[in-house]
Amino acid sequence: MLSKVIKEAKRMEYDRHILNSNNVMSTSWKVINKELGKDHKNHGIQSININGRSTSNHHIIADAFNKHFATISDMINQNINANYCLTKTSVNNQNKLPYSF
């Protein structure tokens, strides 16, 4: 008996939610997916491996991401400069090859 009451209350709430929605189709699919257990919510990162050590401390995880994104542009510039120097040296060395006609 209680399960019938709960089901009916759920149905009435979903009906109300769908009828008051701006996008009936989207809201309907959200309700269907929720009932099927396909409610796609982002639950965040539970743990991450940093320098070979696993951590679930959110402050350490946030700090690691911050350090990565704060330094990535410098790392890219260094790689570009290193590749440019290697390419330039390679071209210069090719120009020094002896040619004979």
PDB file of N, CA and C in Angstrom:
ATOM      1  N   MET A   1       0.817  -1.192   0.000  1.00  0.00           N
ATOM      2  CA  MET A   1       0.000   0.000   0.000  1.00  0.00           C
ATOM      3  C   MET A   1       0.865   1.262   0.000  1.00  0.00           C
ATOM      4  N   LEU A   2       1.917   1.272   0.851  1.00  0.00           N
ATOM      5  CA  LEU A   2       2.791   2.435   0.935  1.00  0.00           C
ATOM      6  C   LEU A   2       3.534   2.662  -0.369  1.00  0.00           C
ATOM      7  N   SER A   3       3.943   1.565  -1.035  1.00  0.00           N
ATOM      8  CA  SER A   3       4.673   1.706  -2.288  1.00  0.00           C
ATOM      9  C   SER A   3       3.788   2.328  -3.365  1.00  0.00           C
ATOM     10  N   LYS A   4       2.470   2.031  -3.348  1.00  0.00           N
ATOM     11  CA  LYS A   4       1.547   2.650  -4.294  1.00  0.00           C
ATOM     12  C   LYS A   4       1.448   4.149  -4.057  1.00  0.00           C
ATOM     13  N   VAL A   5       1.414   4.539  -2.814  1.00  0.00           N
ATOM     14  CA  VAL A   5       1.334   5.957  -2.462  1.00  0.00           C
ATOM     15  C   VAL A   5       2.608   6.676  -2.909  1.00  0.00           C
ATOM     16  N   ILE A   6       3.747   6.052  -2.679  1.00  0.00           N
ATOM     17  CA  ILE A   6       5.026   6.647  -3.068  1.00  0.00           C
ATOM     18  C   ILE A   6       5.120   6.760  -4.584  1.00  0.00           C
ATOM     19  N   LYS A   7       4.724   5.693  -5.286  1.00  0.00           N
ATOM     20  CA  LYS A   7       4.753   5.729  -6.756  1.00  0.00           C
ATOM     21  C   LYS A   7       3.839   6.818  -7.297  1.00  0.00           C
ATOM     22  N   GLU A   8       2.655   6.938  -6.723  1.00  0.00           N
ATOM     23  CA  GLU A   8       1.710   7.952  -7.188  1.00  0.00           C
ATOM     24  C   GLU A   8       2.235   9.365  -6.897  1.00  0.00           C
ATOM     25  N   ALA A   9       2.833   9.555  -5.736  1.00  0.00           N
ATOM     26  CA  ALA A   9       3.403  10.865  -5.395  1.00  0.00           C
ATOM     27  C   ALA A   9       4.553  11.207  -6.342  1.00  0.00           C
ATOM     28  N   LYS A  10       5.359  10.216  -6.664  1.00  0.00           N
ATOM     29  CA  LYS A  10       6.467  10.413  -7.605  1.00  0.00           C
ATOM     30  C   LYS A  10       5.939  10.793  -8.981  1.00  0.00           C
ATOM     31  N   ARG A  11       4.919  10.054  -9.434  1.00  0.00           N
ATOM     32  CA  ARG A  11       4.330  10.332 -10.744  1.00  0.00           C
ATOM     33  C   ARG A  11       3.756  11.744 -10.793  1.00  0.00           C
ATOM     34  N   MET A  12       3.071  12.136  -9.749  1.00  0.00           N
ATOM     35  CA  MET A  12       2.478  13.474  -9.706  1.00  0.00           C
ATOM     36  C   MET A  12       3.567  14.551  -9.714  1.00  0.00           C
ATOM     37  N   GLU A  13       4.670  14.312  -8.988  1.00  0.00           N
ATOM     38  CA  GLU A  13       5.776  15.280  -8.960  1.00  0.00           C
ATOM     39  C   GLU A  13       6.435  15.374 -10.330  1.00  0.00           C
ATOM     40  N   TYR A  14       6.652  14.237 -10.971  1.00  0.00           N
ATOM     41  CA  TYR A  14       7.241  14.256 -12.316  1.00  0.00           C
ATOM     42  C   TYR A  14       6.316  14.951 -13.308  1.00  0.00           C
ATOM     43  N   ASP A  15       5.008  14.669 -13.227  1.00  0.00           N
ATOM     44  CA  ASP A  15       4.050  15.347 -14.106  1.00  0.00           C
ATOM     45  C   ASP A  15       4.112  16.854 -13.923  1.00  0.00           C
ATOM     46  N   ARG A  16       4.114  17.293 -12.675  1.00  0.00           N
ATOM     47  CA  ARG A  16       4.183  18.726 -12.372  1.00  0.00           C
ATOM     48  C   ARG A  16       5.468  19.329 -12.926  1.00  0.00           C
ATOM     49  N   HIS A  17       6.563  18.609 -12.726  1.00  0.00           N
ATOM     50  CA  HIS A  17       7.870  19.084 -13.177  1.00  0.00           C
ATOM     51  C   HIS A  17       7.903  19.213 -14.705  1.00  0.00           C
ATOM     52  N   ILE A  18       7.354  18.220 -15.397  1.00  0.00           N
ATOM     53  CA  ILE A  18       7.343  18.237 -16.866  1.00  0.00           C
ATOM     54  C   ILE A  18       6.422  19.334 -17.390  1.00  0.00           C
ATOM     55  N   LEU A  19       5.237  19.459 -16.812  1.00  0.00           N
ATOM     56  CA  LEU A  19       4.273  20.461 -17.285  1.00  0.00           C
ATOM     57  C   LEU A  19       4.756  21.896 -17.060  1.00  0.00           C
ATOM     58  N   ASN A  20       5.539  22.121 -16.027  1.00  0.00           N
ATOM     59  CA  ASN A  20       6.051  23.465 -15.736  1.00  0.00           C
ATOM     60  C   ASN A  20       7.391  23.747 -16.406  1.00  0.00           C
ATOM     61  N   SER A  21       7.850  22.807 -17.188  1.00  0.00           N
ATOM     62  CA  SER A  21       9.156  22.931 -17.833  1.00  0.00           C
ATOM     63  C   SER A  21       9.065  23.772 -19.108  1.00  0.00           C
ATOM     64  N   ASN A  22      10.170  24.442 -19.447  1.00  0.00           N
ATOM     65  CA  ASN A  22      10.250  25.186 -20.712  1.00  0.00           C
ATOM     66  C   ASN A  22      10.519  24.249 -21.881  1.00  0.00           C
ATOM     67  N   ASN A  23      11.153  23.125 -21.621  1.00  0.00           N
ATOM     68  CA  ASN A  23      11.466  22.160 -22.661  1.00  0.00           C
ATOM     69  C   ASN A  23      10.950  20.791 -22.208  1.00  0.00           C
ATOM     70  N   VAL A  24       9.702  20.491 -22.583  1.00  0.00           N
ATOM     71  CA  VAL A  24       9.021  19.284 -22.127  1.00  0.00           C
ATOM     72  C   VAL A  24       9.779  18.025 -22.533  1.00  0.00           C
ATOM     73  N   MET A  25      10.292  17.984 -23.771  1.00  0.00           N
ATOM     74  CA  MET A  25      10.985  16.787 -24.259  1.00  0.00           C
ATOM     75  C   MET A  25      12.255  16.522 -23.435  1.00  0.00           C
ATOM     76  N   SER A  26      13.056  17.558 -23.234  1.00  0.00           N
ATOM     77  CA  SER A  26      14.296  17.403 -22.476  1.00  0.00           C
ATOM     78  C   SER A  26      14.012  16.984 -21.038  1.00  0.00           C
ATOM     79  N   THR A  27      13.052  17.626 -20.416  1.00  0.00           N
ATOM     80  CA  THR A  27      12.715  17.295 -19.039  1.00  0.00           C
ATOM     81  C   THR A  27      12.186  15.871 -18.940  1.00  0.00           C
ATOM     82  N   SER A  28      11.385  15.456 -19.927  1.00  0.00           N
ATOM     83  CA  SER A  28      10.862  14.085 -19.940  1.00  0.00           C
ATOM     84  C   SER A  28      12.001  13.081 -19.996  1.00  0.00           C
ATOM     85  N   TRP A  29      12.978  13.327 -20.864  1.00  0.00           N
ATOM     86  CA  TRP A  29      14.114  12.406 -20.968  1.00  0.00           C
ATOM     87  C   TRP A  29      14.942  12.399 -19.683  1.00  0.00           C
ATOM     88  N   LYS A  30      15.066  13.537 -19.051  1.00  0.00           N
ATOM     89  CA  LYS A  30      15.800  13.575 -17.775  1.00  0.00           C
ATOM     90  C   LYS A  30      15.102  12.719 -16.727  1.00  0.00           C
ATOM     91  N   VAL A  31      13.766  12.796 -16.682  1.00  0.00           N
ATOM     92  CA  VAL A  31      12.999  11.988 -15.736  1.00  0.00           C
ATOM     93  C   VAL A  31      13.159  10.503 -16.061  1.00  0.00           C
ATOM     94  N   ILE A  32      13.046  10.167 -17.339  1.00  0.00           N
ATOM     95  CA  ILE A  32      13.181   8.765 -17.756  1.00  0.00           C
ATOM     96  C   ILE A  32      14.562   8.233 -17.390  1.00  0.00           C
ATOM     97  N   ASN A  33      15.599   8.984 -17.722  1.00  0.00           N
ATOM     98  CA  ASN A  33      16.967   8.536 -17.413  1.00  0.00           C
ATOM     99  C   ASN A  33      17.200   8.417 -15.916  1.00  0.00           C
ATOM    100  N   LYS A  34      16.616   9.329 -15.148  1.00  0.00           N
ATOM    101  CA  LYS A  34      16.755   9.246 -13.695  1.00  0.00           C
ATOM    102  C   LYS A  34      16.120   7.965 -13.173  1.00  0.00           C
ATOM    103  N   GLU A  35      14.942   7.631 -13.672  1.00  0.00           N
ATOM    104  CA  GLU A  35      14.248   6.419 -13.242  1.00  0.00           C
ATOM    105  C   GLU A  35      14.975   5.150 -13.688  1.00  0.00           C
ATOM    106  N   LEU A  36      15.675   5.236 -14.823  1.00  0.00           N
ATOM    107  CA  LEU A  36      16.429   4.076 -15.313  1.00  0.00           C
ATOM    108  C   LEU A  36      17.814   3.967 -14.667  1.00  0.00           C
ATOM    109  N   GLY A  37      18.149   4.922 -13.817  1.00  0.00           N
ATOM    110  CA  GLY A  37      19.452   4.897 -13.160  1.00  0.00           C
ATOM    111  C   GLY A  37      20.562   5.451 -14.020  1.00  0.00           C
ATOM    112  N   LYS A  38      20.189   6.199 -15.041  1.00  0.00           N
ATOM    113  CA  LYS A  38      21.185   6.795 -15.934  1.00  0.00           C
ATOM    114  C   LYS A  38      21.317   8.284 -15.658  1.00  0.00           C
ATOM    115  N   ASP A  39      21.181   8.646 -14.413  1.00  0.00           N
ATOM    116  CA  ASP A  39      21.289  10.047 -14.003  1.00  0.00           C
ATOM    117  C   ASP A  39      22.760  10.428 -14.030  1.00  0.00           C
ATOM    118  N   HIS A  40      23.165  11.155 -15.063  1.00  0.00           N
ATOM    119  CA  HIS A  40      24.573  11.486 -15.275  1.00  0.00           C
ATOM    120  C   HIS A  40      24.935  12.760 -14.512  1.00  0.00           C
ATOM    121  N   LYS A  41      25.438  12.570 -13.341  1.00  0.00           N
ATOM    122  CA  LYS A  41      25.904  13.703 -12.550  1.00  0.00           C
ATOM    123  C   LYS A  41      27.413  13.589 -12.402  1.00  0.00           C
ATOM    124  N   ASN A  42      28.053  14.708 -12.417  1.00  0.00           N
ATOM    125  CA  ASN A  42      29.490  14.738 -12.234  1.00  0.00           C
ATOM    126  C   ASN A  42      29.775  14.630 -10.741  1.00  0.00           C
ATOM    127  N   HIS A  43      30.383  13.541 -10.356  1.00  0.00           N
ATOM    128  CA  HIS A  43      30.659  13.322  -8.944  1.00  0.00           C
ATOM    129  C   HIS A  43      32.064  13.775  -8.559  1.00  0.00           C
ATOM    130  N   GLY A  44      32.795  14.341  -9.495  1.00  0.00           N
ATOM    131  CA  GLY A  44      34.110  14.866  -9.194  1.00  0.00           C
ATOM    132  C   GLY A  44      35.179  13.792  -9.108  1.00  0.00           C
ATOM    133  N   ILE A  45      36.370  14.230  -8.917  1.00  0.00           N
ATOM    134  CA  ILE A  45      37.519  13.337  -8.812  1.00  0.00           C
ATOM    135  C   ILE A  45      37.581  12.789  -7.391  1.00  0.00           C
ATOM    136  N   GLN A  46      37.623  11.480  -7.278  1.00  0.00           N
ATOM    137  CA  GLN A  46      37.705  10.851  -5.959  1.00  0.00           C
ATOM    138  C   GLN A  46      39.148  10.775  -5.471  1.00  0.00           C
ATOM    139  N   SER A  47      40.062  10.425  -6.383  1.00  0.00           N
ATOM    140  CA  SER A  47      41.478  10.380  -6.040  1.00  0.00           C
ATOM    141  C   SER A  47      42.281  10.556  -7.322  1.00  0.00           C
ATOM    142  N   ILE A  48      43.545  10.910  -7.149  1.00  0.00           N
ATOM    143  CA  ILE A  48      44.410  11.151  -8.295  1.00  0.00           C
ATOM    144  C   ILE A  48      45.834  10.756  -7.916  1.00  0.00           C
ATOM    145  N   ASN A  49      46.587  10.322  -8.913  1.00  0.00           N
ATOM    146  CA  ASN A  49      47.970   9.925  -8.710  1.00  0.00           C
ATOM    147  C   ASN A  49      48.856  11.120  -9.039  1.00  0.00           C
ATOM    148  N   ILE A  50      49.564  11.640  -8.045  1.00  0.00           N
ATOM    149  CA  ILE A  50      50.447  12.790  -8.221  1.00  0.00           C
ATOM    150  C   ILE A  50      51.858  12.361  -7.844  1.00  0.00           C
ATOM    151  N   ASN A  51      52.758  12.414  -8.821  1.00  0.00           N
ATOM    152  CA  ASN A  51      54.151  12.023  -8.596  1.00  0.00           C
ATOM    153  C   ASN A  51      54.260  10.629  -7.971  1.00  0.00           C
ATOM    154  N   GLY A  52      53.450   9.689  -8.464  1.00  0.00           N
ATOM    155  CA  GLY A  52      53.527   8.314  -8.004  1.00  0.00           C
ATOM    156  C   GLY A  52      52.799   8.016  -6.712  1.00  0.00           C
ATOM    157  N   ARG A  53      52.116   9.019  -6.157  1.00  0.00           N
ATOM    158  CA  ARG A  53      51.390   8.806  -4.900  1.00  0.00           C
ATOM    159  C   ARG A  53      49.924   9.139  -5.104  1.00  0.00           C
ATOM    160  N   SER A  54      49.053   8.271  -4.647  1.00  0.00           N
ATOM    161  CA  SER A  54      47.616   8.483  -4.772  1.00  0.00           C
ATOM    162  C   SER A  54      47.126   9.329  -3.605  1.00  0.00           C
ATOM    163  N   THR A  55      46.261  10.306  -3.913  1.00  0.00           N
ATOM    164  CA  THR A  55      45.686  11.140  -2.858  1.00  0.00           C
ATOM    165  C   THR A  55      44.221  11.409  -3.163  1.00  0.00           C
ATOM    166  N   SER A  56      43.441  11.551  -2.112  1.00  0.00           N
ATOM    167  CA  SER A  56      42.037  11.931  -2.260  1.00  0.00           C
ATOM    168  C   SER A  56      41.776  13.275  -1.588  1.00  0.00           C
ATOM    169  N   ASN A  57      42.841  13.918  -1.101  1.00  0.00           N
ATOM    170  CA  ASN A  57      42.724  15.228  -0.467  1.00  0.00           C
ATOM    171  C   ASN A  57      42.428  16.274  -1.540  1.00  0.00           C
ATOM    172  N   HIS A  58      41.260  16.889  -1.472  1.00  0.00           N
ATOM    173  CA  HIS A  58      40.818  17.816  -2.508  1.00  0.00           C
ATOM    174  C   HIS A  58      41.697  19.065  -2.594  1.00  0.00           C
ATOM    175  N   HIS A  59      42.277  19.480  -1.493  1.00  0.00           N
ATOM    176  CA  HIS A  59      43.174  20.647  -1.510  1.00  0.00           C
ATOM    177  C   HIS A  59      44.468  20.321  -2.271  1.00  0.00           C
ATOM    178  N   ILE A  60      45.008  19.127  -2.061  1.00  0.00           N
ATOM    179  CA  ILE A  60      46.221  18.710  -2.767  1.00  0.00           C
ATOM    180  C   ILE A  60      45.930  18.537  -4.257  1.00  0.00           C
ATOM    181  N   ILE A  61      44.764  17.956  -4.579  1.00  0.00           N
ATOM    182  CA  ILE A  61      44.376  17.773  -5.979  1.00  0.00           C
ATOM    183  C   ILE A  61      44.235  19.129  -6.663  1.00  0.00           C
ATOM    184  N   ALA A  62      43.548  20.060  -6.009  1.00  0.00           N
ATOM    185  CA  ALA A  62      43.361  21.394  -6.584  1.00  0.00           C
ATOM    186  C   ALA A  62      44.701  22.094  -6.777  1.00  0.00           C
ATOM    187  N   ASP A  63      45.600  21.953  -5.818  1.00  0.00           N
ATOM    188  CA  ASP A  63      46.915  22.579  -5.914  1.00  0.00           C
ATOM    189  C   ASP A  63      47.719  21.984  -7.073  1.00  0.00           C
ATOM    190  N   ALA A  64      47.620  20.666  -7.276  1.00  0.00           N
ATOM    191  CA  ALA A  64      48.341  20.014  -8.375  1.00  0.00           C
ATOM    192  C   ALA A  64      47.829  20.520  -9.722  1.00  0.00           C
ATOM    193  N   PHE A  65      46.512  20.620  -9.874  1.00  0.00           N
ATOM    194  CA  PHE A  65      45.958  21.150 -11.128  1.00  0.00           C
ATOM    195  C   PHE A  65      46.369  22.600 -11.322  1.00  0.00           C
ATOM    196  N   ASN A  66      46.339  23.380 -10.261  1.00  0.00           N
ATOM    197  CA  ASN A  66      46.733  24.793 -10.343  1.00  0.00           C
ATOM    198  C   ASN A  66      48.186  24.921 -10.799  1.00  0.00           C
ATOM    199  N   LYS A  67      49.073  24.138 -10.190  1.00  0.00           N
ATOM    200  CA  LYS A  67      50.485  24.196 -10.586  1.00  0.00           C
ATOM    201  C   LYS A  67      50.665  23.774 -12.044  1.00  0.00           C
ATOM    202  N   HIS A  68      49.955  22.741 -12.460  1.00  0.00           N
ATOM    203  CA  HIS A  68      50.071  22.264 -13.837  1.00  0.00           C
ATOM    204  C   HIS A  68      49.657  23.357 -14.822  1.00  0.00           C
ATOM    205  N   PHE A  69      48.476  23.934 -14.620  1.00  0.00           N
ATOM    206  CA  PHE A  69      47.975  24.902 -15.580  1.00  0.00           C
ATOM    207  C   PHE A  69      48.679  26.256 -15.473  1.00  0.00           C
ATOM    208  N   ALA A  70      49.267  26.551 -14.319  1.00  0.00           N
ATOM    209  CA  ALA A  70      50.016  27.797 -14.168  1.00  0.00           C
ATOM    210  C   ALA A  70      51.375  27.726 -14.859  1.00  0.00           C
ATOM    211  N   THR A  71      51.920  26.504 -15.025  1.00  0.00           N
ATOM    212  CA  THR A  71      53.254  26.365 -15.608  1.00  0.00           C
ATOM    213  C   THR A  71      53.249  25.782 -17.021  1.00  0.00           C
ATOM    214  N   ILE A  72      52.103  25.374 -17.527  1.00  0.00           N
ATOM    215  CA  ILE A  72      52.067  24.695 -18.821  1.00  0.00           C
ATOM    216  C   ILE A  72      52.537  25.599 -19.954  1.00  0.00           C
ATOM    217  N   SER A  73      52.208  26.892 -19.908  1.00  0.00           N
ATOM    218  CA  SER A  73      52.632  27.789 -20.993  1.00  0.00           C
ATOM    219  C   SER A  73      54.149  27.932 -21.023  1.00  0.00           C
ATOM    220  N   ASP A  74      54.781  27.984 -19.866  1.00  0.00           N
ATOM    221  CA  ASP A  74      56.250  28.052 -19.820  1.00  0.00           C
ATOM    222  C   ASP A  74      56.868  26.777 -20.385  1.00  0.00           C
ATOM    223  N   MET A  75      56.281  25.635 -20.053  1.00  0.00           N
ATOM    224  CA  MET A  75      56.803  24.363 -20.558  1.00  0.00           C
ATOM    225  C   MET A  75      56.654  24.289 -22.076  1.00  0.00           C
ATOM    226  N   ILE A  76      55.539  24.750 -22.596  1.00  0.00           N
ATOM    227  CA  ILE A  76      55.326  24.741 -24.044  1.00  0.00           C
ATOM    228  C   ILE A  76      56.338  25.654 -24.723  1.00  0.00           C
ATOM    229  N   ASN A  77      56.540  26.849 -24.174  1.00  0.00           N
ATOM    230  CA  ASN A  77      57.523  27.782 -24.747  1.00  0.00           C
ATOM    231  C   ASN A  77      58.924  27.193 -24.731  1.00  0.00           C
ATOM    232  N   GLN A  78      59.292  26.515 -23.662  1.00  0.00           N
ATOM    233  CA  GLN A  78      60.611  25.897 -23.587  1.00  0.00           C
ATOM    234  C   GLN A  78      60.756  24.817 -24.653  1.00  0.00           C
ATOM    235  N   ASN A  79      59.719  24.015 -24.853  1.00  0.00           N
ATOM    236  CA  ASN A  79      59.764  22.965 -25.876  1.00  0.00           C
ATOM    237  C   ASN A  79      59.853  23.566 -27.272  1.00  0.00           C
ATOM    238  N   ILE A  80      59.107  24.638 -27.502  1.00  0.00           N
ATOM    239  CA  ILE A  80      59.153  25.300 -28.811  1.00  0.00           C
ATOM    240  C   ILE A  80      60.547  25.845 -29.059  1.00  0.00           C
ATOM    241  N   ASN A  81      61.123  26.519 -28.061  1.00  0.00           N
ATOM    242  CA  ASN A  81      62.468  27.081 -28.206  1.00  0.00           C
ATOM    243  C   ASN A  81      63.509  25.985 -28.413  1.00  0.00           C
ATOM    244  N   ALA A  82      63.384  24.893 -27.681  1.00  0.00           N
ATOM    245  CA  ALA A  82      64.337  23.780 -27.829  1.00  0.00           C
ATOM    246  C   ALA A  82      64.229  23.182 -29.227  1.00  0.00           C
ATOM    247  N   ASN A  83      63.018  22.982 -29.717  1.00  0.00           N
ATOM    248  CA  ASN A  83      62.826  22.431 -31.058  1.00  0.00           C
ATOM    249  C   ASN A  83      63.327  23.400 -32.121  1.00  0.00           C
ATOM    250  N   TYR A  84      63.114  24.695 -31.910  1.00  0.00           N
ATOM    251  CA  TYR A  84      63.580  25.699 -32.856  1.00  0.00           C
ATOM    252  C   TYR A  84      65.107  25.681 -32.928  1.00  0.00           C
ATOM    253  N   CYS A  85      65.763  25.593 -31.754  1.00  0.00           N
ATOM    254  CA  CYS A  85      67.228  25.564 -31.727  1.00  0.00           C
ATOM    255  C   CYS A  85      67.752  24.308 -32.416  1.00  0.00           C
ATOM    256  N   LEU A  86      67.117  23.161 -32.173  1.00  0.00           N
ATOM    257  CA  LEU A  86      67.554  21.926 -32.821  1.00  0.00           C
ATOM    258  C   LEU A  86      67.383  22.015 -34.331  1.00  0.00           C
ATOM    259  N   THR A  87      66.258  22.561 -34.765  1.00  0.00           N
ATOM    260  CA  THR A  87      65.998  22.686 -36.197  1.00  0.00           C
ATOM    261  C   THR A  87      66.988  23.647 -36.828  1.00  0.00           C
ATOM    262  N   LYS A  88      67.242  24.774 -36.161  1.00  0.00           N
ATOM    263  CA  LYS A  88      68.163  25.780 -36.690  1.00  0.00           C
ATOM    264  C   LYS A  88      69.577  25.193 -36.774  1.00  0.00           C
ATOM    265  N   THR A  89      70.012  24.459 -35.734  1.00  0.00           N
ATOM    266  CA  THR A  89      71.338  23.838 -35.742  1.00  0.00           C
ATOM    267  C   THR A  89      71.433  22.821 -36.861  1.00  0.00           C
ATOM    268  N   SER A  90      70.387  22.042 -37.047  1.00  0.00           N
ATOM    269  CA  SER A  90      70.376  21.036 -38.099  1.00  0.00           C
ATOM    270  C   SER A  90      70.480  21.678 -39.473  1.00  0.00           C
ATOM    271  N   VAL A  91      69.755  22.784 -39.697  1.00  0.00           N
ATOM    272  CA  VAL A  91      69.807  23.486 -40.982  1.00  0.00           C
ATOM    273  C   VAL A  91      71.188  24.086 -41.194  1.00  0.00           C
ATOM    274  N   ASN A  92      71.766  24.675 -40.153  1.00  0.00           N
ATOM    275  CA  ASN A  92      73.109  25.264 -40.268  1.00  0.00           C
ATOM    276  C   ASN A  92      74.152  24.199 -40.574  1.00  0.00           C
ATOM    277  N   ASN A  93      74.021  23.032 -39.939  1.00  0.00           N
ATOM    278  CA  ASN A  93      74.975  21.956 -40.193  1.00  0.00           C
ATOM    279  C   ASN A  93      74.842  21.431 -41.616  1.00  0.00           C
ATOM    280  N   GLN A  94      73.629  21.422 -42.145  1.00  0.00           N
ATOM    281  CA  GLN A  94      73.438  20.985 -43.510  1.00  0.00           C
ATOM    282  C   GLN A  94      74.086  21.962 -44.479  1.00  0.00           C
ATOM    283  N   ASN A  95      74.068  23.246 -44.139  1.00  0.00           N
ATOM    284  CA  ASN A  95      74.667  24.252 -45.003  1.00  0.00           C
ATOM    285  C   ASN A  95      76.189  24.171 -45.017  1.00  0.00           C
ATOM    286  N   LYS A  96      76.779  23.531 -44.011  1.00  0.00           N
ATOM    287  CA  LYS A  96      78.228  23.445 -43.929  1.00  0.00           C
ATOM    288  C   LYS A  96      78.789  22.212 -44.643  1.00  0.00           C
ATOM    289  N   LEU A  97      77.900  21.410 -45.198  1.00  0.00           N
ATOM    290  CA  LEU A  97      78.382  20.216 -45.887  1.00  0.00           C
ATOM    291  C   LEU A  97      79.166  20.648 -47.151  1.00  0.00           C
ATOM    292  N   PRO A  98      80.302  19.950 -47.396  1.00  0.00           N
ATOM    293  CA  PRO A  98      81.072  20.330 -48.591  1.00  0.00           C
ATOM    294  C   PRO A  98      80.353  19.882 -49.863  1.00  0.00           C
ATOM    295  N   TYR A  99      80.324  20.760 -50.802  1.00  0.00           N
ATOM    296  CA  TYR A  99      79.724  20.448 -52.106  1.00  0.00           C
ATOM    297  C   TYR A  99      80.818  20.442 -53.155  1.00  0.00           C
ATOM    298  N   SER A 100      80.744  19.520 -54.054  1.00  0.00           N
ATOM    299  CA  SER A 100      81.690  19.532 -55.158  1.00  0.00           C
ATOM    300  C   SER A 100      80.898  19.352 -56.449  1.00  0.00           C
ATOM    301  N   PHE A 101      81.315  20.079 -57.437  1.00  0.00           N
ATOM    302  CA  PHE A 101      80.634  20.011 -58.733  1.00  0.00           C
ATOM    303  C   PHE A 101      81.531  19.349 -59.736  1.00  0.00           C
TER     304      PHE A 101
END
